[in-house]
């Protein structure tokens, strides 16, 4: 069930910051009363293949992930 929801929220080819990934996972974790801190690396647990990347936001570069496959 959780895996299906994760695959609906994260799409192949998407590039998101770690903060955004945690925010999206937090909504799912809250729905299922999971009391752990979400991490971008948790996507691997739900069958989402990712690659670490740096995303430019204004003048800064922030850590993020590229979704390779769902």
Protein backbone atom coordinates (compact mmCIF):
# COMPACT_ATOMS: atom_id res chain seq x y z
CA UNK A 1 0.00 0.00 0.00
CA UNK A 2 2.69 2.48 0.96
CA UNK A 3 4.77 1.44 -2.03
CA UNK A 4 1.89 2.20 -4.40
CA UNK A 5 1.39 5.66 -2.91
CA UNK A 6 5.09 6.44 -3.12
CA UNK A 7 5.13 5.44 -6.78
CA UNK A 8 2.15 7.73 -7.46
CA UNK A 9 3.83 10.74 -5.83
CA UNK A 10 7.34 10.35 -7.28
CA UNK A 11 7.65 10.25 -11.08
CA UNK A 12 10.44 8.96 -13.30
CA UNK A 13 12.72 11.72 -14.59
CA UNK A 14 11.84 14.08 -11.77
CA UNK A 15 14.62 16.05 -10.02
CA UNK A 16 13.78 17.11 -6.47
CA UNK A 17 15.65 18.37 -3.45
CA UNK A 18 16.11 16.12 -0.43
CA UNK A 19 13.90 18.54 1.50
CA UNK A 20 11.05 18.10 -1.00
CA UNK A 21 11.45 14.30 -0.93
CA UNK A 22 11.26 14.32 2.88
CA UNK A 23 8.17 16.55 2.80
CA UNK A 24 6.36 14.23 0.39
CA UNK A 25 7.34 11.13 2.37
CA UNK A 26 6.22 12.81 5.61
CA UNK A 27 2.65 13.11 4.27
CA UNK A 28 2.60 9.36 3.53
CA UNK A 29 4.23 8.46 6.85
CA UNK A 30 1.64 10.58 8.71
CA UNK A 31 -1.21 8.87 6.86
CA UNK A 32 0.07 5.44 7.98
CA UNK A 33 1.16 6.55 11.48
CA UNK A 34 4.81 5.72 10.82
CA UNK A 35 6.82 7.38 13.56
CA UNK A 36 10.19 7.68 11.90
CA UNK A 37 11.93 10.56 10.26
CA UNK A 38 11.64 10.36 6.46
CA UNK A 39 14.82 10.53 4.40
CA UNK A 40 15.32 10.79 0.66
CA UNK A 41 17.18 7.46 0.81
CA UNK A 42 13.94 5.81 2.01
CA UNK A 43 12.79 5.91 -1.60
CA UNK A 44 15.03 2.89 -2.24
CA UNK A 45 13.04 0.92 0.34
CA UNK A 46 9.91 1.45 -1.72
CA UNK A 47 11.38 0.38 -5.06
CA UNK A 48 12.29 3.82 -6.42
CA UNK A 49 15.75 4.01 -7.98
CA UNK A 50 17.47 7.34 -7.46
CA UNK A 51 20.74 9.09 -8.09
CA UNK A 52 22.23 11.78 -5.86
CA UNK A 53 22.54 15.14 -7.60
CA UNK A 54 23.12 18.80 -6.83
CA UNK A 55 20.29 21.13 -7.80
CA UNK A 56 20.89 24.82 -8.35
CA UNK A 57 18.47 27.08 -6.49
CA UNK A 58 19.29 30.70 -7.11
CA UNK A 59 22.95 31.16 -6.21
CA UNK A 60 23.09 28.00 -4.11
CA UNK A 61 23.47 24.33 -4.91
CA UNK A 62 21.45 21.97 -2.74
CA UNK A 63 21.52 18.19 -2.43
CA UNK A 64 18.78 16.33 -4.19
CA UNK A 65 17.82 13.18 -6.06
CA UNK A 66 16.94 12.32 -9.62
CA UNK A 67 14.25 9.66 -9.91
CA UNK A 68 15.59 7.06 -12.35
CA UNK A 69 12.75 4.54 -12.26
CA UNK A 70 9.60 3.79 -10.33
